[in-house]
Amino acid sequence: MDNPFQVITDTFAPKYRVNLSIQRLDGSIMLTLSDDDGVVAKRMISAAQRNDPQRLKRLVQSVQFGIAIEQGHSAMEILAVMTDGDNHKVLQRPPNRQPPLAAGI
């Protein structure tokens, strides 16, 4: 089995600073991802999630999905990345778009 801490770090370290800290006596850890603008994501990871490769994979995808949504990616783009078999791929921030014009009533 791969080291779960290494899997998490390898997935997110190219783009984010990864901080893993022990939170509880039950073995839960807090994952904090940050960049130059601050904290991007925080997630509590249970010992059960950390020690089960399938649950760890789903957790990593969930974090990636949340970050992508916050950055404005489309759901179709996110699903394409998540289903292409590359579990360590992180979406890049989309180009800045002009906000939609508000229509006055």
C-alpha atoms as a PDB file:
ATOM      1  CA  MET A   1       0.000   0.000   0.000  1.00  0.00           C
ATOM      2  CA  ASP A   2       1.231   3.476  -0.832  1.00  0.00           C
ATOM      3  CA  ASN A   3       1.931   5.872   1.995  1.00  0.00           C
ATOM      4  CA  PRO A   4      -1.295   7.932   2.252  1.00  0.00           C
ATOM      5  CA  PHE A   5       0.595  11.055   3.295  1.00  0.00           C
ATOM      6  CA  GLN A   6       2.802  10.745   0.214  1.00  0.00           C
ATOM      7  CA  VAL A   7      -0.238  10.230  -2.046  1.00  0.00           C
ATOM      8  CA  ILE A   8      -1.831  13.417  -0.699  1.00  0.00           C
ATOM      9  CA  THR A   9       1.401  15.397  -0.929  1.00  0.00           C
ATOM     10  CA  ASP A  10       2.210  14.165  -4.453  1.00  0.00           C
ATOM     11  CA  THR A  11      -1.275  15.086  -5.614  1.00  0.00           C
ATOM     12  CA  PHE A  12      -1.373  18.644  -4.322  1.00  0.00           C
ATOM     13  CA  ALA A  13       2.251  19.764  -3.759  1.00  0.00           C
ATOM     14  CA  PRO A  14       2.945  20.899  -7.320  1.00  0.00           C
ATOM     15  CA  LYS A  15       0.357  23.659  -6.923  1.00  0.00           C
ATOM     16  CA  TYR A  16      -0.276  24.079  -3.190  1.00  0.00           C
ATOM     17  CA  ARG A  17       1.545  24.042   0.124  1.00  0.00           C
ATOM     18  CA  VAL A  18       0.376  20.913   1.924  1.00  0.00           C
ATOM     19  CA  ASN A  19       0.078  20.837   5.709  1.00  0.00           C
ATOM     20  CA  LEU A  20      -0.996  17.642   7.491  1.00  0.00           C
ATOM     21  CA  SER A  21      -1.489  17.947  11.241  1.00  0.00           C
ATOM     22  CA  ILE A  22      -2.752  15.525  13.873  1.00  0.00           C
ATOM     23  CA  GLN A  23      -6.112  16.689  15.215  1.00  0.00           C
ATOM     24  CA  ARG A  24      -7.506  13.955  17.465  1.00  0.00           C
ATOM     25  CA  LEU A  25      -6.438  10.942  19.465  1.00  0.00           C
ATOM     26  CA  ASP A  26      -8.413   8.713  17.077  1.00  0.00           C
ATOM     27  CA  GLY A  27      -5.804   9.395  14.374  1.00  0.00           C
ATOM     28  CA  SER A  28      -7.717  12.044  12.434  1.00  0.00           C
ATOM     29  CA  ILE A  29      -5.587  14.579  10.632  1.00  0.00           C
ATOM     30  CA  MET A  30      -6.328  17.991   9.154  1.00  0.00           C
ATOM     31  CA  LEU A  31      -5.298  18.590   5.550  1.00  0.00           C
ATOM     32  CA  THR A  32      -4.745  22.263   4.771  1.00  0.00           C
ATOM     33  CA  LEU A  33      -3.887  23.389   1.249  1.00  0.00           C
ATOM     34  CA  SER A  34      -2.711  26.942   0.694  1.00  0.00           C
ATOM     35  CA  ASP A  35      -1.193  29.116  -1.987  1.00  0.00           C
ATOM     36  CA  ASP A  36       0.116  32.689  -2.128  1.00  0.00           C
ATOM     37  CA  ASP A  37      -3.421  34.014  -1.617  1.00  0.00           C
ATOM     38  CA  GLY A  38      -4.070  31.967   1.545  1.00  0.00           C
ATOM     39  CA  VAL A  39      -5.949  28.809   2.467  1.00  0.00           C
ATOM     40  CA  VAL A  40      -7.514  27.081  -0.530  1.00  0.00           C
ATOM     41  CA  ALA A  41      -9.021  24.032   1.193  1.00  0.00           C
ATOM     42  CA  LYS A  42      -9.233  22.347   4.585  1.00  0.00           C
ATOM     43  CA  ARG A  43     -10.417  18.816   5.139  1.00  0.00           C
ATOM     44  CA  MET A  44     -10.505  16.497   8.131  1.00  0.00           C
ATOM     45  CA  ILE A  45      -9.252  13.029   7.202  1.00  0.00           C
ATOM     46  CA  SER A  46     -10.195  10.099   9.414  1.00  0.00           C
ATOM     47  CA  ALA A  47      -7.836   7.194  10.049  1.00  0.00           C
ATOM     48  CA  ALA A  48     -10.278   4.946   8.130  1.00  0.00           C
ATOM     49  CA  GLN A  49     -10.148   7.218   5.059  1.00  0.00           C
ATOM     50  CA  ARG A  50      -6.386   7.487   5.265  1.00  0.00           C
ATOM     51  CA  ASN A  51      -5.836   3.731   5.526  1.00  0.00           C
ATOM     52  CA  ASP A  52      -8.215   2.607   2.746  1.00  0.00           C
ATOM     53  CA  PRO A  53      -6.808   3.285  -0.760  1.00  0.00           C
ATOM     54  CA  GLN A  54     -10.271   3.591  -2.356  1.00  0.00           C
ATOM     55  CA  ARG A  55     -11.562   5.971   0.314  1.00  0.00           C
ATOM     56  CA  LEU A  56      -8.344   7.990   0.084  1.00  0.00           C
ATOM     57  CA  LYS A  57      -8.756   8.243  -3.692  1.00  0.00           C
ATOM     58  CA  ARG A  58     -12.353   9.478  -3.285  1.00  0.00           C
ATOM     59  CA  LEU A  59     -11.252  11.986  -0.651  1.00  0.00           C
ATOM     60  CA  VAL A  60      -8.540  13.389  -2.930  1.00  0.00           C
ATOM     61  CA  GLN A  61     -11.041  13.652  -5.799  1.00  0.00           C
ATOM     62  CA  SER A  62     -13.524  15.363  -3.503  1.00  0.00           C
ATOM     63  CA  VAL A  63     -10.959  17.976  -2.499  1.00  0.00           C
ATOM     64  CA  GLN A  64     -10.003  18.499  -6.149  1.00  0.00           C
ATOM     65  CA  PHE A  65     -13.679  18.832  -7.078  1.00  0.00           C
ATOM     66  CA  GLY A  66     -14.268  21.438  -4.350  1.00  0.00           C
ATOM     67  CA  ILE A  67     -11.247  23.484  -5.384  1.00  0.00           C
ATOM     68  CA  ALA A  68     -12.243  23.344  -9.056  1.00  0.00           C
ATOM     69  CA  ILE A  69     -15.787  24.504  -8.300  1.00  0.00           C
ATOM     70  CA  GLU A  70     -14.447  27.398  -6.202  1.00  0.00           C
ATOM     71  CA  GLN A  71     -12.180  28.387  -9.101  1.00  0.00           C
ATOM     72  CA  GLY A  72     -15.091  28.496 -11.544  1.00  0.00           C
ATOM     73  CA  HIS A  73     -14.531  25.360 -13.619  1.00  0.00           C
ATOM     74  CA  SER A  74     -17.484  23.770 -15.362  1.00  0.00           C
ATOM     75  CA  ALA A  75     -18.910  20.515 -14.025  1.00  0.00           C
ATOM     76  CA  MET A  76     -18.221  18.776 -17.355  1.00  0.00           C
ATOM     77  CA  GLU A  77     -14.550  19.768 -17.282  1.00  0.00           C
ATOM     78  CA  ILE A  78     -14.218  18.544 -13.711  1.00  0.00           C
ATOM     79  CA  LEU A  79     -15.834  15.197 -14.499  1.00  0.00           C
ATOM     80  CA  ALA A  80     -13.586  14.736 -17.536  1.00  0.00           C
ATOM     81  CA  VAL A  81     -10.471  15.232 -15.424  1.00  0.00           C
ATOM     82  CA  MET A  82     -11.741  12.990 -12.631  1.00  0.00           C
ATOM     83  CA  THR A  83     -12.573  10.124 -15.004  1.00  0.00           C
ATOM     84  CA  ASP A  84      -9.501  10.173 -17.250  1.00  0.00           C
ATOM     85  CA  GLY A  85      -7.590   7.800 -14.962  1.00  0.00           C
ATOM     86  CA  ASP A  86      -5.040  10.380 -13.771  1.00  0.00           C
ATOM     87  CA  ASN A  87      -5.795  10.623 -10.061  1.00  0.00           C
ATOM     88  CA  HIS A  88      -3.035  13.144  -9.401  1.00  0.00           C
ATOM     89  CA  LYS A  89      -4.105  15.740 -11.944  1.00  0.00           C
ATOM     90  CA  VAL A  90      -5.147  19.119 -10.550  1.00  0.00           C
ATOM     91  CA  LEU A  91      -7.147  21.560 -12.656  1.00  0.00           C
ATOM     92  CA  GLN A  92      -5.557  24.886 -13.429  1.00  0.00           C
ATOM     93  CA  ARG A  93      -7.333  28.112 -12.537  1.00  0.00           C
ATOM     94  CA  PRO A  94      -9.492  29.266 -15.494  1.00  0.00           C
ATOM     95  CA  PRO A  95      -8.706  32.641 -17.102  1.00  0.00           C
ATOM     96  CA  ASN A  96     -10.409  35.624 -15.523  1.00  0.00           C
ATOM     97  CA  ARG A  97     -13.762  36.196 -17.117  1.00  0.00           C
ATOM     98  CA  GLN A  98     -15.862  39.315 -17.081  1.00  0.00           C
ATOM     99  CA  PRO A  99     -18.762  39.044 -14.634  1.00  0.00           C
ATOM    100  CA  PRO A 100     -22.187  38.789 -16.268  1.00  0.00           C
ATOM    101  CA  LEU A 101     -23.954  42.061 -16.794  1.00  0.00           C
ATOM    102  CA  ALA A 102     -26.839  42.682 -14.450  1.00  0.00           C
ATOM    103  CA  ALA A 103     -30.069  43.538 -16.194  1.00  0.00           C
ATOM    104  CA  GLY A 104     -32.020  46.350 -14.595  1.00  0.00           C
ATOM    105  CA  ILE A 105     -35.715  45.941 -14.081  1.00  0.00           C
END
